[in-house]
């Protein structure tokens, strides 16, 4: 990647094309391997609804309310049969979860289909108190259209989920031009043998940054529970057209049922077209995890991070980590250790910390709390270490009606300086299922941030109609699931 803001536009253009070409080449390679691993037999029937792994939210249509769900025939031209067992006798795929670009509960990975195409759309009308972004507080009505398409592909020993969403926004005030934001996400995983598996994830967004605040906010997984990304508290710091690309991969070696050694790498590139500036953050990490029991695991980790922008920052550290499940519907994570920064990082940090608690208190209530001292995602230019906390509550308030509230705070320092930035967000949402194909929601969001003592505030009110064909929606996790102890829920922490 280019080092800071002094790289030539030609080099940056070549780098961008190389990254995009790599992503397309990788996706094509995985798709070809998936296709080769499938049989030409006639498609079977869709997998039965499993309340333990299927969402009860309004965005999920694989399992509707128990009193209204009926089995459906396989749609013509769609391959919905279950994946075949691995003839090599390998272990069945570990179930984990990935955020959906069009909002709603996380998608269960892998899906119980060899191949399935997903799509949907939604229309939003509302009010934006600062439609022009942080530069000008121009209040305006807002109309937004979002189109979503995805593909789920599964072979004998590999899986891929490819998602894309395009949002087009029109404002009532003539001073604010229409804006477009494109988002793409790729999640792929597989195994080479019984003891060695891999994963690859890539996300990309390109468009006007102001649309980040009126689109579904990004999520971070804690087991099967989606928690709001702390970076949401900083949305609105930047303005204009932006490009963000994050690529992550991991290799897991599992020598026996009690031990896991994981090598992971991540690279994040962010570019702002308004001033032709960019930055890059790369991270490498190794984990040793040992299972003490079915509910408790612990281990050690080491990591190193490199950032370039106006200057260079190198940080390395390690520590101890533990994860426990007091019940099948609750998960607690804790990791902490010393950190050593180079002089270019500016304000140095002595320790890195990750803590999270998430779970279902009952069949109708879920909560989560996360707190971190971690290296920045790179959304705020030249940012290094951040302290953040996010909390959330979700509750079923009636038949087909769901309420959620999330809030987050972030405070960080900038590369090579003592300048701080801070911000918070609050969002509430009421969602109601109208039918298997339609949902309606009302939402309010508040963003407040400050950089170098210059503050910006934004209030957004939205009313949205969501359309998702029942046979073309992904199977989702259920944040309200209360499972019996010892049910053997198969989750990846």
Protein backbone atom coordinates (compact mmCIF):
# COMPACT_ATOMS: atom_id res chain seq x y z
CA UNK A 1 0.00 0.00 0.00
CA UNK A 2 1.11 3.61 -0.41
CA UNK A 3 2.74 5.27 2.55
CA UNK A 4 0.66 8.25 3.59
CA UNK A 5 -0.48 11.19 1.54
CA UNK A 6 2.68 11.63 -0.52
CA UNK A 7 2.24 8.62 -2.80
CA UNK A 8 1.62 9.46 -6.46
CA UNK A 9 -1.93 9.14 -7.85
CA UNK A 10 -0.62 6.69 -10.43
CA UNK A 11 0.77 4.38 -7.75
CA UNK A 12 -2.44 4.61 -5.74
CA UNK A 13 -4.49 3.83 -8.85
CA UNK A 14 -2.33 0.81 -9.58
CA UNK A 15 -2.64 -0.34 -6.00
CA UNK A 16 -6.43 -0.02 -6.07
CA UNK A 17 -6.67 -1.96 -9.31
CA UNK A 18 -4.42 -4.66 -7.88
CA UNK A 19 -6.57 -5.03 -4.77
CA UNK A 20 -9.79 -5.18 -6.80
CA UNK A 21 -8.28 -7.65 -9.26
CA UNK A 22 -7.13 -9.85 -6.40
CA UNK A 23 -10.59 -9.89 -4.82
CA UNK A 24 -12.28 -10.80 -8.09
CA UNK A 25 -9.67 -13.47 -8.81
CA UNK A 26 -10.09 -14.98 -5.37
CA UNK A 27 -13.89 -14.97 -5.63
CA UNK A 28 -13.70 -16.63 -9.07
CA UNK A 29 -11.26 -19.26 -7.75
CA UNK A 30 -13.51 -20.16 -4.80
CA UNK A 31 -16.63 -20.20 -6.99
CA UNK A 32 -15.01 -22.56 -9.47
CA UNK A 33 -13.95 -24.90 -6.66
CA UNK A 34 -17.44 -24.83 -5.20
CA UNK A 35 -19.02 -25.61 -8.54
CA UNK A 36 -16.59 -28.47 -9.10
CA UNK A 37 -17.50 -29.97 -5.73
CA UNK A 38 -21.24 -30.14 -6.45
CA UNK A 39 -23.12 -32.99 -8.01
CA UNK A 40 -25.56 -32.88 -10.89
CA UNK A 41 -28.32 -34.73 -9.04
CA UNK A 42 -31.83 -33.35 -8.80
CA UNK A 43 -32.36 -30.78 -6.10
CA UNK A 44 -33.93 -31.88 -2.86
CA UNK A 45 -36.28 -30.11 -0.58
CA UNK A 46 -35.32 -27.18 1.61
CA UNK A 47 -34.03 -27.85 5.09
CA UNK A 48 -36.70 -27.77 7.80
CA UNK A 49 -36.97 -24.73 10.00
CA UNK A 50 -34.73 -24.91 13.07
CA UNK A 51 -35.77 -22.38 15.73
CA UNK A 52 -32.40 -22.73 17.40
CA UNK A 53 -30.52 -21.32 14.40
CA UNK A 54 -33.15 -19.31 12.57
CA UNK A 55 -33.90 -15.72 13.41
CA UNK A 56 -37.15 -14.55 14.90
CA UNK A 57 -36.57 -10.99 13.67
CA UNK A 58 -38.66 -9.27 11.05
CA UNK A 59 -35.89 -9.50 8.46
CA UNK A 60 -35.81 -13.31 8.73
CA UNK A 61 -38.24 -15.25 6.61
CA UNK A 62 -36.80 -18.77 6.82
CA UNK A 63 -38.83 -19.24 10.01
CA UNK A 64 -41.80 -16.96 10.57
CA UNK A 65 -43.86 -17.03 13.77
CA UNK A 66 -44.52 -20.63 14.81
CA UNK A 67 -48.27 -20.26 14.44
CA UNK A 68 -48.01 -19.10 10.82
CA UNK A 69 -45.08 -21.09 9.41
CA UNK A 70 -45.83 -23.78 6.82
CA UNK A 71 -43.52 -25.91 4.72
CA UNK A 72 -42.95 -24.63 1.17
CA UNK A 73 -42.04 -26.47 -2.03
CA UNK A 74 -38.69 -25.96 -3.64
CA UNK A 75 -38.69 -23.05 -6.04
CA UNK A 76 -38.04 -23.99 -9.66
CA UNK A 77 -34.46 -23.40 -10.74
CA UNK A 78 -33.11 -23.10 -7.18
CA UNK A 79 -30.80 -25.69 -5.66
CA UNK A 80 -31.81 -25.92 -2.02
CA UNK A 81 -30.65 -29.40 -1.06
CA UNK A 82 -28.52 -29.87 2.02
CA UNK A 83 -24.73 -30.17 1.59
CA UNK A 84 -23.50 -33.75 1.42
CA UNK A 85 -21.34 -35.22 4.12
CA UNK A 86 -17.62 -35.05 3.59
CA UNK A 87 -16.54 -38.48 2.29
CA UNK A 88 -13.15 -38.03 3.93
CA UNK A 89 -14.81 -38.28 7.34
CA UNK A 90 -13.88 -34.72 8.34
CA UNK A 91 -15.69 -32.79 11.00
CA UNK A 92 -18.91 -30.98 10.07
CA UNK A 93 -18.54 -27.22 9.43
CA UNK A 94 -18.45 -25.02 12.53
CA UNK A 95 -21.43 -22.69 12.61
CA UNK A 96 -20.60 -18.99 12.90
CA UNK A 97 -22.24 -15.75 11.86
CA UNK A 98 -21.65 -12.78 9.57
CA UNK A 99 -23.40 -9.38 9.49
CA UNK A 100 -25.90 -8.72 6.70
CA UNK A 101 -25.33 -5.63 4.56
CA UNK A 102 -29.05 -4.87 4.46
CA UNK A 103 -29.47 -5.00 8.23
CA UNK A 104 -31.44 -7.48 10.27
CA UNK A 105 -30.09 -10.36 12.31
CA UNK A 106 -26.73 -11.96 11.39
CA UNK A 107 -26.60 -14.58 8.65
CA UNK A 108 -25.86 -18.15 9.74
CA UNK A 109 -22.71 -19.46 8.06
CA UNK A 110 -22.69 -21.86 6.35
CA UNK A 111 -26.20 -21.77 4.93
CA UNK A 112 -27.99 -25.15 4.60
CA UNK A 113 -27.97 -24.94 0.80
CA UNK A 114 -25.48 -25.86 -1.90
CA UNK A 115 -26.52 -22.77 -3.83
CA UNK A 116 -29.04 -20.02 -3.23
CA UNK A 117 -29.52 -16.46 -4.49
CA UNK A 118 -30.74 -13.80 -2.09
CA UNK A 119 -32.20 -10.40 -2.90
CA UNK A 120 -34.47 -7.67 -1.60
CA UNK A 121 -34.91 -3.91 -1.40
CA UNK A 122 -36.24 -1.19 0.82
CA UNK A 123 -37.46 2.40 0.51
CA UNK A 124 -37.01 5.03 3.21
CA UNK A 125 -38.47 8.46 3.79
CA UNK A 126 -37.43 10.71 6.62
CA UNK A 127 -35.65 13.79 7.93
CA UNK A 128 -31.94 14.62 8.19
CA UNK A 129 -30.83 17.61 10.28
CA UNK A 130 -27.42 17.85 8.56
CA UNK A 131 -27.89 16.44 5.07
CA UNK A 132 -24.75 18.12 3.73
CA UNK A 133 -22.56 16.34 6.27
CA UNK A 134 -20.37 17.89 8.95
CA UNK A 135 -19.39 20.86 6.77
CA UNK A 136 -22.87 22.45 6.68
CA UNK A 137 -25.89 21.88 8.90
CA UNK A 138 -28.51 21.81 6.12
CA UNK A 139 -31.79 20.28 7.34
CA UNK A 140 -33.73 18.43 4.66
CA UNK A 141 -36.23 15.70 3.96
CA UNK A 142 -34.58 12.55 2.63
CA UNK A 143 -35.70 9.69 0.37
CA UNK A 144 -33.54 6.60 0.09
CA UNK A 145 -33.73 3.46 -2.05
CA UNK A 146 -31.57 0.43 -1.32
CA UNK A 147 -31.17 -2.68 -3.47
CA UNK A 148 -29.61 -5.87 -2.10
CA UNK A 149 -28.37 -9.01 -3.85
CA UNK A 150 -26.30 -11.93 -2.57
CA UNK A 151 -25.25 -15.46 -3.42
CA UNK A 152 -24.68 -18.42 -1.09
CA UNK A 153 -22.48 -21.20 -2.51
CA UNK A 154 -21.34 -24.36 -0.74
CA UNK A 155 -19.06 -27.17 -1.88
CA UNK A 156 -17.84 -30.29 -0.13
CA UNK A 157 -15.23 -28.55 1.97
CA UNK A 158 -15.68 -24.83 1.31
CA UNK A 159 -18.30 -22.13 1.50
CA UNK A 160 -18.77 -18.60 0.14
CA UNK A 161 -21.30 -15.82 0.75
CA UNK A 162 -21.09 -12.77 -1.52
CA UNK A 163 -23.24 -9.70 -0.74
CA UNK A 164 -23.76 -6.35 -2.47
CA UNK A 165 -25.91 -3.35 -1.59
CA UNK A 166 -26.41 -0.07 -3.46
CA UNK A 167 -28.07 2.94 -1.81
CA UNK A 168 -29.32 5.97 -3.74
CA UNK A 169 -30.45 9.02 -1.77
CA UNK A 170 -32.37 12.09 -2.86
CA UNK A 171 -32.78 15.15 -0.65
CA UNK A 172 -35.61 17.66 -0.61
CA UNK A 173 -33.24 20.63 -0.32
CA UNK A 174 -31.87 21.72 -3.70
CA UNK A 175 -28.50 22.57 -2.09
CA UNK A 176 -27.79 18.89 -1.48
CA UNK A 177 -27.14 16.64 -4.46
CA UNK A 178 -28.27 13.05 -4.76
CA UNK A 179 -25.72 10.57 -3.42
CA UNK A 180 -24.77 6.94 -3.97
CA UNK A 181 -23.07 4.43 -1.70
CA UNK A 182 -22.00 0.94 -2.82
CA UNK A 183 -21.08 -1.77 -0.31
CA UNK A 184 -19.77 -5.26 -1.03
CA UNK A 185 -18.83 -8.08 1.34
CA UNK A 186 -17.30 -11.50 0.74
CA UNK A 187 -17.10 -14.24 3.36
CA UNK A 188 -15.45 -17.56 2.49
CA UNK A 189 -14.25 -20.49 4.57
CA UNK A 190 -13.22 -24.10 4.17
CA UNK A 191 -10.87 -26.80 5.31
CA UNK A 192 -7.90 -28.62 3.84
CA UNK A 193 -8.27 -31.61 6.16
CA UNK A 194 -9.65 -32.56 9.59
CA UNK A 195 -7.12 -30.39 11.42
CA UNK A 196 -6.53 -27.44 9.11
CA UNK A 197 -9.15 -24.89 8.05
CA UNK A 198 -9.14 -21.35 6.63
CA UNK A 199 -11.31 -18.26 6.33
CA UNK A 200 -11.25 -15.14 4.17
CA UNK A 201 -13.32 -11.96 4.53
CA UNK A 202 -13.33 -8.77 2.50
CA UNK A 203 -15.49 -5.66 2.66
CA UNK A 204 -15.55 -2.63 0.40
CA UNK A 205 -17.52 0.62 0.42
CA UNK A 206 -17.38 3.37 -2.19
CA UNK A 207 -19.52 6.48 -2.26
CA UNK A 208 -20.57 9.52 -0.28
CA UNK A 209 -19.68 9.14 3.37
CA UNK A 210 -22.84 10.97 4.53
CA UNK A 211 -24.86 7.87 3.63
CA UNK A 212 -23.09 5.84 6.33
CA UNK A 213 -25.45 7.39 8.87
CA UNK A 214 -28.70 6.57 7.05
CA UNK A 215 -27.76 3.01 6.07
CA UNK A 216 -27.68 -0.05 8.38
CA UNK A 217 -24.87 0.54 10.85
CA UNK A 218 -22.01 -2.00 10.81
CA UNK A 219 -22.00 -4.86 13.30
CA UNK A 220 -19.33 -6.85 15.14
CA UNK A 221 -20.05 -10.43 16.19
CA UNK A 222 -19.78 -11.70 19.76
CA UNK A 223 -20.57 -15.37 19.28
CA UNK A 224 -24.05 -15.45 17.66
CA UNK A 225 -24.91 -11.91 18.83
CA UNK A 226 -24.50 -8.80 16.69
CA UNK A 227 -23.12 -5.75 18.52
CA UNK A 228 -22.78 -2.28 17.02
CA UNK A 229 -19.35 -1.37 15.71
CA UNK A 230 -17.72 1.38 17.83
CA UNK A 231 -16.73 3.20 14.63
CA UNK A 232 -20.39 4.22 14.27
CA UNK A 233 -19.72 6.84 16.96
CA UNK A 234 -17.24 8.54 14.62
CA UNK A 235 -19.45 8.62 11.53
CA UNK A 236 -19.71 12.17 10.22
CA UNK A 237 -16.12 13.13 11.03
CA UNK A 238 -15.26 12.78 7.35
CA UNK A 239 -17.27 14.16 4.42
CA UNK A 240 -17.39 13.69 0.67
CA UNK A 241 -16.62 10.61 -1.37
CA UNK A 242 -14.63 7.86 0.31
CA UNK A 243 -13.22 4.41 -0.47
CA UNK A 244 -12.72 1.81 2.25
CA UNK A 245 -11.38 -1.71 1.71
CA UNK A 246 -10.74 -4.26 4.46
CA UNK A 247 -9.30 -7.71 3.81
CA UNK A 248 -8.83 -10.36 6.50
CA UNK A 249 -7.80 -14.01 6.48
CA UNK A 250 -7.03 -16.74 9.00
CA UNK A 251 -5.52 -20.22 9.11
CA UNK A 252 -6.53 -22.52 11.98
CA UNK A 253 -4.65 -25.64 13.04
CA UNK A 254 -6.60 -27.92 15.42
CA UNK A 255 -4.26 -30.76 16.45
CA UNK A 256 -6.89 -32.23 18.81
CA UNK A 257 -10.29 -31.46 20.31
CA UNK A 258 -8.80 -29.29 23.06
CA UNK A 259 -6.33 -27.02 21.23
CA UNK A 260 -6.45 -24.46 18.42
CA UNK A 261 -3.62 -22.41 16.94
CA UNK A 262 -4.80 -19.52 14.76
CA UNK A 263 -2.75 -17.27 12.48
CA UNK A 264 -4.69 -14.25 11.21
CA UNK A 265 -3.90 -11.16 9.14
CA UNK A 266 -5.90 -8.04 8.31
CA UNK A 267 -5.31 -5.02 6.10
CA UNK A 268 -7.46 -1.87 5.95
CA UNK A 269 -7.12 0.83 3.28
CA UNK A 270 -9.06 4.13 3.39
CA UNK A 271 -9.03 6.96 0.85
CA UNK A 272 -10.74 10.37 0.87
CA UNK A 273 -11.25 11.85 -2.56
CA UNK A 274 -11.89 15.41 -1.30
CA UNK A 275 -8.18 16.01 -0.58
CA UNK A 276 -6.73 12.92 -2.29
CA UNK A 277 -5.48 11.51 1.03
CA UNK A 278 -5.18 7.90 2.09
CA UNK A 279 -3.96 5.66 4.88
CA UNK A 280 -3.33 1.99 5.56
CA UNK A 281 -3.37 -0.21 8.68
CA UNK A 282 -2.03 -3.79 8.62
CA UNK A 283 -2.27 -6.27 11.48
CA UNK A 284 -0.94 -9.78 12.11
CA UNK A 285 -1.89 -11.95 15.10
CA UNK A 286 -1.31 -15.45 16.46
CA UNK A 287 -3.58 -17.11 19.04
CA UNK A 288 -3.24 -20.25 21.12
CA UNK A 289 -6.62 -21.37 22.51
CA UNK A 290 -7.21 -24.31 24.80
CA UNK A 291 -10.63 -25.66 25.75
CA UNK A 292 -10.92 -26.35 29.46
CA UNK A 293 -14.53 -27.59 29.23
CA UNK A 294 -17.54 -27.34 26.96
CA UNK A 295 -18.19 -23.84 28.31
CA UNK A 296 -14.74 -22.40 29.06
CA UNK A 297 -11.70 -21.81 26.87
CA UNK A 298 -8.56 -19.74 27.48
CA UNK A 299 -5.28 -18.97 25.78
CA UNK A 300 -2.61 -16.46 24.78
CA UNK A 301 -2.11 -14.15 21.82
CA UNK A 302 0.52 -11.96 20.21
CA UNK A 303 -0.07 -9.21 17.65
CA UNK A 304 1.68 -6.52 15.67
CA UNK A 305 0.24 -3.51 13.82
CA UNK A 306 1.73 -1.16 11.23
CA UNK A 307 0.13 2.12 10.09
CA UNK A 308 1.23 4.69 7.56
CA UNK A 309 -0.27 8.10 6.94
CA UNK A 310 1.37 11.42 7.75
CA UNK A 311 3.94 9.31 9.56
CA UNK A 312 4.63 5.75 10.63
CA UNK A 313 3.34 3.88 13.67
CA UNK A 314 4.35 0.40 14.76
CA UNK A 315 2.78 -1.36 17.73
CA UNK A 316 3.30 -4.84 19.15
CA UNK A 317 1.88 -6.65 22.14
CA UNK A 318 0.29 -9.77 23.54
CA UNK A 319 -1.71 -11.08 26.43
CA UNK A 320 -4.13 -13.55 27.96
CA UNK A 321 -7.67 -14.29 26.79
CA UNK A 322 -10.62 -16.26 28.15
CA UNK A 323 -14.11 -17.02 26.87
CA UNK A 324 -16.95 -18.60 28.82
CA UNK A 325 -20.60 -19.46 28.36
CA UNK A 326 -22.42 -19.34 31.72
CA UNK A 327 -25.52 -20.55 29.84
CA UNK A 328 -26.18 -21.64 26.27
CA UNK A 329 -27.62 -18.18 25.58
CA UNK A 330 -24.84 -16.08 27.18
CA UNK A 331 -21.22 -15.45 26.26
CA UNK A 332 -18.46 -13.54 28.08
CA UNK A 333 -15.10 -12.62 26.53
CA UNK A 334 -12.04 -10.99 28.08
CA UNK A 335 -8.56 -10.35 26.68
CA UNK A 336 -5.82 -8.03 27.96
CA UNK A 337 -2.09 -7.55 27.74
CA UNK A 338 0.79 -5.06 27.42
CA UNK A 339 1.37 -3.03 24.25
CA UNK A 340 4.54 -1.33 22.98
CA UNK A 341 4.32 1.55 20.48
CA UNK A 342 6.92 3.33 18.38
CA UNK A 343 7.55 7.08 18.79
CA UNK A 344 5.61 7.81 15.59
CA UNK A 345 2.35 6.71 17.23
CA UNK A 346 2.19 9.90 19.31
CA UNK A 347 0.37 9.13 22.54
CA UNK A 348 1.56 5.68 23.57
CA UNK A 349 -0.63 2.99 25.08
CA UNK A 350 0.53 0.62 27.83
CA UNK A 351 -2.21 -2.01 27.51
CA UNK A 352 -4.78 -3.39 25.08
CA UNK A 353 -8.14 -4.65 26.36
CA UNK A 354 -11.17 -6.42 24.92
CA UNK A 355 -14.23 -7.28 27.02
CA UNK A 356 -17.72 -8.31 25.96
CA UNK A 357 -20.88 -9.71 27.53
CA UNK A 358 -23.83 -10.69 25.34
CA UNK A 359 -26.83 -12.90 25.84
CA UNK A 360 -30.55 -13.51 25.98
CA UNK A 361 -32.02 -12.74 29.40
CA UNK A 362 -35.27 -14.42 28.43
CA UNK A 363 -37.16 -15.53 25.37
CA UNK A 364 -38.05 -11.88 24.70
CA UNK A 365 -35.03 -9.84 25.84
CA UNK A 366 -31.38 -9.67 24.79
CA UNK A 367 -28.57 -7.35 25.93
CA UNK A 368 -24.89 -6.75 25.22
CA UNK A 369 -22.03 -4.60 26.51
CA UNK A 370 -18.56 -4.35 24.97
CA UNK A 371 -15.57 -2.22 25.98
CA UNK A 372 -12.20 -2.07 24.24
CA UNK A 373 -8.86 -0.33 24.09
CA UNK A 374 -7.84 -1.28 20.58
CA UNK A 375 -6.08 -0.03 17.48
CA UNK A 376 -8.25 2.11 15.23
CA UNK A 377 -10.16 0.77 12.24
CA UNK A 378 -8.72 3.64 10.19
CA UNK A 379 -12.07 5.34 9.52
CA UNK A 380 -10.84 8.53 11.22
CA UNK A 381 -7.78 9.61 9.28
CA UNK A 382 -4.45 9.11 11.06
CA UNK A 383 -6.13 7.62 14.12
CA UNK A 384 -4.19 5.16 16.28
CA UNK A 385 -5.47 3.85 19.63
CA UNK A 386 -9.12 4.12 20.61
CA UNK A 387 -11.10 3.59 23.81
CA UNK A 388 -14.69 2.62 23.08
CA UNK A 389 -17.80 1.18 24.67
CA UNK A 390 -21.11 0.11 23.11
CA UNK A 391 -24.29 -1.17 24.76
CA UNK A 392 -27.50 -2.53 23.31
CA UNK A 393 -30.92 -3.85 24.21
CA UNK A 394 -33.41 -5.78 22.10
CA UNK A 395 -36.88 -6.86 23.10
CA UNK A 396 -39.96 -8.52 21.62
CA UNK A 397 -42.84 -6.23 22.55
CA UNK A 398 -45.65 -8.06 20.80
CA UNK A 399 -46.45 -10.53 18.08
CA UNK A 400 -44.13 -9.68 15.20
CA UNK A 401 -43.00 -6.41 16.87
CA UNK A 402 -39.39 -5.81 17.95
CA UNK A 403 -37.73 -2.88 19.71
CA UNK A 404 -33.98 -2.21 19.87
CA UNK A 405 -31.75 0.51 21.26
CA UNK A 406 -27.98 0.87 20.86
CA UNK A 407 -25.48 3.48 22.03
CA UNK A 408 -21.74 3.85 21.72
CA UNK A 409 -18.86 6.14 22.65
CA UNK A 410 -15.37 6.37 21.19
CA UNK A 411 -12.29 8.43 22.10
CA UNK A 412 -9.07 8.21 20.14
CA UNK A 413 -5.75 9.89 19.41
CA UNK A 414 -4.26 10.95 16.10
CA UNK A 415 -1.02 9.71 14.59
CA UNK A 416 2.05 11.67 15.62
CA UNK A 417 0.16 14.21 17.75
CA UNK A 418 -1.60 14.73 21.08
CA UNK A 419 -4.89 15.69 19.42
CA UNK A 420 -7.93 13.68 20.47
CA UNK A 421 -11.23 12.99 18.80
CA UNK A 422 -14.38 11.69 20.45
CA UNK A 423 -17.95 10.98 19.56
CA UNK A 424 -21.08 9.07 20.49
CA UNK A 425 -24.19 7.74 18.81
CA UNK A 426 -27.63 6.65 19.94
CA UNK A 427 -30.07 4.73 17.77
CA UNK A 428 -33.53 3.29 18.48
CA UNK A 429 -35.69 1.20 16.18
CA UNK A 430 -39.16 -0.34 16.19
CA UNK A 431 -39.69 -3.09 13.62
CA UNK A 432 -42.92 -4.85 12.71
CA UNK A 433 -43.47 -7.85 10.47
CA UNK A 434 -46.35 -7.20 8.06
CA UNK A 435 -46.08 -10.51 6.21
CA UNK A 436 -43.48 -13.09 5.17
CA UNK A 437 -42.25 -10.69 2.48
CA UNK A 438 -42.71 -7.23 4.01
CA UNK A 439 -41.57 -5.48 7.17
CA UNK A 440 -41.85 -1.88 8.29
CA UNK A 441 -39.61 -0.02 10.71
CA UNK A 442 -39.25 3.41 12.33
CA UNK A 443 -35.83 4.58 13.53
CA UNK A 444 -34.18 7.57 15.20
CA UNK A 445 -30.42 8.16 15.23
CA UNK A 446 -28.29 10.79 16.92
CA UNK A 447 -24.61 11.38 16.12
CA UNK A 448 -22.36 13.79 18.01
CA UNK A 449 -18.60 14.08 17.57
CA UNK A 450 -15.72 16.46 18.14
CA UNK A 451 -12.29 16.71 16.52
CA UNK A 452 -9.85 19.47 17.58
CA UNK A 453 -12.67 21.14 19.54
CA UNK A 454 -14.81 21.41 16.41
CA UNK A 455 -18.13 19.65 16.99
CA UNK A 456 -20.85 18.38 14.70
CA UNK A 457 -24.31 17.03 15.48
CA UNK A 458 -26.79 15.14 13.37
CA UNK A 459 -30.32 13.82 13.95
CA UNK A 460 -31.91 11.36 11.54
CA UNK A 461 -35.50 10.10 11.55
CA UNK A 462 -36.41 7.29 9.12
CA UNK A 463 -39.48 5.27 8.14
CA UNK A 464 -38.67 2.22 6.02
CA UNK A 465 -40.59 -0.44 4.10
CA UNK A 466 -38.51 -3.59 3.59
CA UNK A 467 -39.21 -6.21 0.92
CA UNK A 468 -37.46 -9.58 1.11
CA UNK A 469 -38.92 -12.58 -0.78
CA UNK A 470 -39.34 -15.42 1.69
CA UNK A 471 -37.56 -17.93 -0.56
CA UNK A 472 -34.68 -15.56 -1.26
CA UNK A 473 -33.72 -14.50 2.27
CA UNK A 474 -30.85 -15.95 4.28
CA UNK A 475 -31.28 -18.03 7.41
CA UNK A 476 -30.50 -15.80 10.37
CA UNK A 477 -29.40 -16.22 13.97
CA UNK A 478 -31.98 -15.81 16.71
CA UNK A 479 -30.83 -13.27 19.34
CA UNK A 480 -33.72 -14.31 21.61
CA UNK A 481 -33.09 -18.08 21.55
CA UNK A 482 -33.05 -19.69 24.99
CA UNK A 483 -31.54 -23.16 24.67
CA UNK A 484 -31.52 -25.90 27.24
CA UNK A 485 -28.16 -26.45 29.00
CA UNK A 486 -26.09 -29.08 27.29
CA UNK A 487 -27.93 -28.70 23.99
CA UNK A 488 -24.56 -28.57 22.27
CA UNK A 489 -24.99 -25.33 20.33
CA UNK A 490 -22.26 -25.27 17.74
CA UNK A 491 -20.83 -21.76 17.66
CA UNK A 492 -17.48 -20.31 16.82
CA UNK A 493 -16.25 -17.78 19.36
